[in-house]
Amino acid sequence: MAMRWWLVAALASSANLACGAAPARPAAEAPSGTTPARPAQATCPVMGETFTPSDETEYAEYKGVTYWFCCRGCRGKFLAEPEKYLQAAAERGLKLP
């Protein structure tokens, strides 16, 4: 019986690692200490999907530009290798800020 609960917990945990499955958290503050203006539409530089940002949407500033993300996982991936994702987005013809 204990093994079943472990398996259920493990599967539930791995399901939450999928992009967009993790619960949103308040976005980090912009360097100026204020939240940047939220665009009507944004494109995630990692996944390439266009979405409507909310007050809970993840974002990060890189080289003075604010990028918006569909989920926390994408924000983390982008911050680890921003040039990789910006180059890939450019190659796919994505319109980013």
C-alpha atoms as a PDB file:
ATOM      1  CA  MET A   1       0.000   0.000   0.000  1.00  0.00           C
ATOM      2  CA  ALA A   2       2.809   2.446   0.841  1.00  0.00           C
ATOM      3  CA  MET A   3       4.368   1.766  -2.556  1.00  0.00           C
ATOM      4  CA  ARG A   4       1.150   2.790  -4.304  1.00  0.00           C
ATOM      5  CA  TRP A   5       1.132   6.173  -2.566  1.00  0.00           C
ATOM      6  CA  TRP A   6       4.769   6.705  -3.496  1.00  0.00           C
ATOM      7  CA  LEU A   7       3.980   5.907  -7.128  1.00  0.00           C
ATOM      8  CA  VAL A   8       0.964   8.231  -7.165  1.00  0.00           C
ATOM      9  CA  ALA A   9       3.027  11.021  -5.591  1.00  0.00           C
ATOM     10  CA  ALA A  10       5.852  10.508  -8.085  1.00  0.00           C
ATOM     11  CA  LEU A  11       3.520  10.571 -11.074  1.00  0.00           C
ATOM     12  CA  ALA A  12       1.704  13.645  -9.812  1.00  0.00           C
ATOM     13  CA  SER A  13       5.003  15.397  -9.224  1.00  0.00           C
ATOM     14  CA  SER A  14       6.334  14.605 -12.704  1.00  0.00           C
ATOM     15  CA  ALA A  15       3.086  15.762 -14.284  1.00  0.00           C
ATOM     16  CA  ASN A  16       3.557  19.161 -12.655  1.00  0.00           C
ATOM     17  CA  LEU A  17       6.954  19.531 -14.312  1.00  0.00           C
ATOM     18  CA  ALA A  18       5.330  19.844 -17.731  1.00  0.00           C
ATOM     19  CA  CYS A  19       5.245  23.345 -19.123  1.00  0.00           C
ATOM     20  CA  GLY A  20       2.194  25.215 -17.989  1.00  0.00           C
ATOM     21  CA  ALA A  21       1.245  22.635 -15.363  1.00  0.00           C
ATOM     22  CA  ALA A  22       3.044  24.280 -12.469  1.00  0.00           C
ATOM     23  CA  PRO A  23       0.906  26.726 -10.531  1.00  0.00           C
ATOM     24  CA  ALA A  24       1.678  30.327 -11.319  1.00  0.00           C
ATOM     25  CA  ARG A  25       3.460  32.477  -8.796  1.00  0.00           C
ATOM     26  CA  PRO A  26       3.655  36.238  -8.721  1.00  0.00           C
ATOM     27  CA  ALA A  27       6.139  37.486 -11.254  1.00  0.00           C
ATOM     28  CA  ALA A  28       9.511  38.699 -10.051  1.00  0.00           C
ATOM     29  CA  GLU A  29      10.000  42.397  -9.680  1.00  0.00           C
ATOM     30  CA  ALA A  30      11.568  44.336 -12.467  1.00  0.00           C
ATOM     31  CA  PRO A  31      14.979  45.851 -11.643  1.00  0.00           C
ATOM     32  CA  SER A  32      13.396  49.253 -11.028  1.00  0.00           C
ATOM     33  CA  GLY A  33      11.196  47.707  -8.334  1.00  0.00           C
ATOM     34  CA  THR A  34       8.050  48.090 -10.410  1.00  0.00           C
ATOM     35  CA  THR A  35       6.183  45.553 -12.470  1.00  0.00           C
ATOM     36  CA  PRO A  36       6.566  46.234 -16.198  1.00  0.00           C
ATOM     37  CA  ALA A  37       3.505  47.050 -18.275  1.00  0.00           C
ATOM     38  CA  ARG A  38       1.794  43.821 -19.232  1.00  0.00           C
ATOM     39  CA  PRO A  39       1.296  43.410 -22.997  1.00  0.00           C
ATOM     40  CA  ALA A  40      -2.087  42.400 -24.429  1.00  0.00           C
ATOM     41  CA  GLN A  41      -0.403  39.401 -26.098  1.00  0.00           C
ATOM     42  CA  ALA A  42       3.009  37.837 -25.557  1.00  0.00           C
ATOM     43  CA  THR A  43       5.015  35.038 -27.116  1.00  0.00           C
ATOM     44  CA  CYS A  44       6.955  32.658 -24.895  1.00  0.00           C
ATOM     45  CA  PRO A  45      10.556  32.663 -26.210  1.00  0.00           C
ATOM     46  CA  VAL A  46      11.004  29.034 -25.106  1.00  0.00           C
ATOM     47  CA  MET A  47       7.809  27.320 -26.309  1.00  0.00           C
ATOM     48  CA  GLY A  48       6.912  29.788 -29.042  1.00  0.00           C
ATOM     49  CA  GLU A  49       3.253  29.952 -28.043  1.00  0.00           C
ATOM     50  CA  THR A  50       1.314  33.202 -28.035  1.00  0.00           C
ATOM     51  CA  PHE A  51      -0.780  33.833 -24.941  1.00  0.00           C
ATOM     52  CA  THR A  52      -2.560  36.530 -22.972  1.00  0.00           C
ATOM     53  CA  PRO A  53      -0.496  37.435 -19.894  1.00  0.00           C
ATOM     54  CA  SER A  54      -2.199  37.836 -16.520  1.00  0.00           C
ATOM     55  CA  ASP A  55      -1.079  39.426 -13.268  1.00  0.00           C
ATOM     56  CA  GLU A  56       0.490  36.059 -12.380  1.00  0.00           C
ATOM     57  CA  THR A  57       2.457  35.616 -15.619  1.00  0.00           C
ATOM     58  CA  GLU A  58       6.180  34.968 -15.310  1.00  0.00           C
ATOM     59  CA  TYR A  59       8.582  37.445 -16.865  1.00  0.00           C
ATOM     60  CA  ALA A  60      12.275  38.287 -16.802  1.00  0.00           C
ATOM     61  CA  GLU A  61      14.454  41.098 -18.038  1.00  0.00           C
ATOM     62  CA  TYR A  62      17.449  40.293 -20.214  1.00  0.00           C
ATOM     63  CA  LYS A  63      19.699  42.979 -21.713  1.00  0.00           C
ATOM     64  CA  GLY A  64      17.098  45.621 -20.914  1.00  0.00           C
ATOM     65  CA  VAL A  65      14.224  43.787 -22.620  1.00  0.00           C
ATOM     66  CA  THR A  66      11.318  42.210 -20.725  1.00  0.00           C
ATOM     67  CA  TYR A  67      10.345  38.724 -21.899  1.00  0.00           C
ATOM     68  CA  TRP A  68       7.095  37.006 -20.837  1.00  0.00           C
ATOM     69  CA  PHE A  69       6.766  33.246 -20.315  1.00  0.00           C
ATOM     70  CA  CYS A  70       3.898  30.786 -20.501  1.00  0.00           C
ATOM     71  CA  CYS A  71       5.074  29.068 -17.291  1.00  0.00           C
ATOM     72  CA  ARG A  72       7.687  29.072 -14.551  1.00  0.00           C
ATOM     73  CA  GLY A  73       9.614  26.240 -16.211  1.00  0.00           C
ATOM     74  CA  CYS A  74      10.127  28.241 -19.382  1.00  0.00           C
ATOM     75  CA  ARG A  75      11.369  31.222 -17.394  1.00  0.00           C
ATOM     76  CA  GLY A  76      13.975  29.028 -15.695  1.00  0.00           C
ATOM     77  CA  LYS A  77      15.117  27.493 -18.971  1.00  0.00           C
ATOM     78  CA  PHE A  78      15.408  30.927 -20.580  1.00  0.00           C
ATOM     79  CA  LEU A  79      17.403  32.416 -17.703  1.00  0.00           C
ATOM     80  CA  ALA A  80      19.822  29.478 -17.832  1.00  0.00           C
ATOM     81  CA  GLU A  81      20.532  29.943 -21.579  1.00  0.00           C
ATOM     82  CA  PRO A  82      18.916  33.121 -22.908  1.00  0.00           C
ATOM     83  CA  GLU A  83      20.960  33.382 -26.109  1.00  0.00           C
ATOM     84  CA  LYS A  84      20.068  29.807 -27.077  1.00  0.00           C
ATOM     85  CA  TYR A  85      16.342  30.557 -26.858  1.00  0.00           C
ATOM     86  CA  LEU A  86      16.568  33.979 -28.490  1.00  0.00           C
ATOM     87  CA  GLN A  87      18.479  32.513 -31.436  1.00  0.00           C
ATOM     88  CA  ALA A  88      15.990  29.655 -31.798  1.00  0.00           C
ATOM     89  CA  ALA A  89      13.072  32.121 -31.613  1.00  0.00           C
ATOM     90  CA  ALA A  90      14.655  34.258 -34.334  1.00  0.00           C
ATOM     91  CA  GLU A  91      15.189  31.196 -36.524  1.00  0.00           C
ATOM     92  CA  ARG A  92      11.493  30.282 -36.103  1.00  0.00           C
ATOM     93  CA  GLY A  93      10.478  33.838 -36.978  1.00  0.00           C
ATOM     94  CA  LEU A  94       8.859  34.521 -33.606  1.00  0.00           C
ATOM     95  CA  LYS A  95       8.000  38.123 -32.811  1.00  0.00           C
ATOM     96  CA  LEU A  96       9.485  38.899 -29.415  1.00  0.00           C
ATOM     97  CA  PRO A  97       9.791  42.278 -27.682  1.00  0.00           C
END
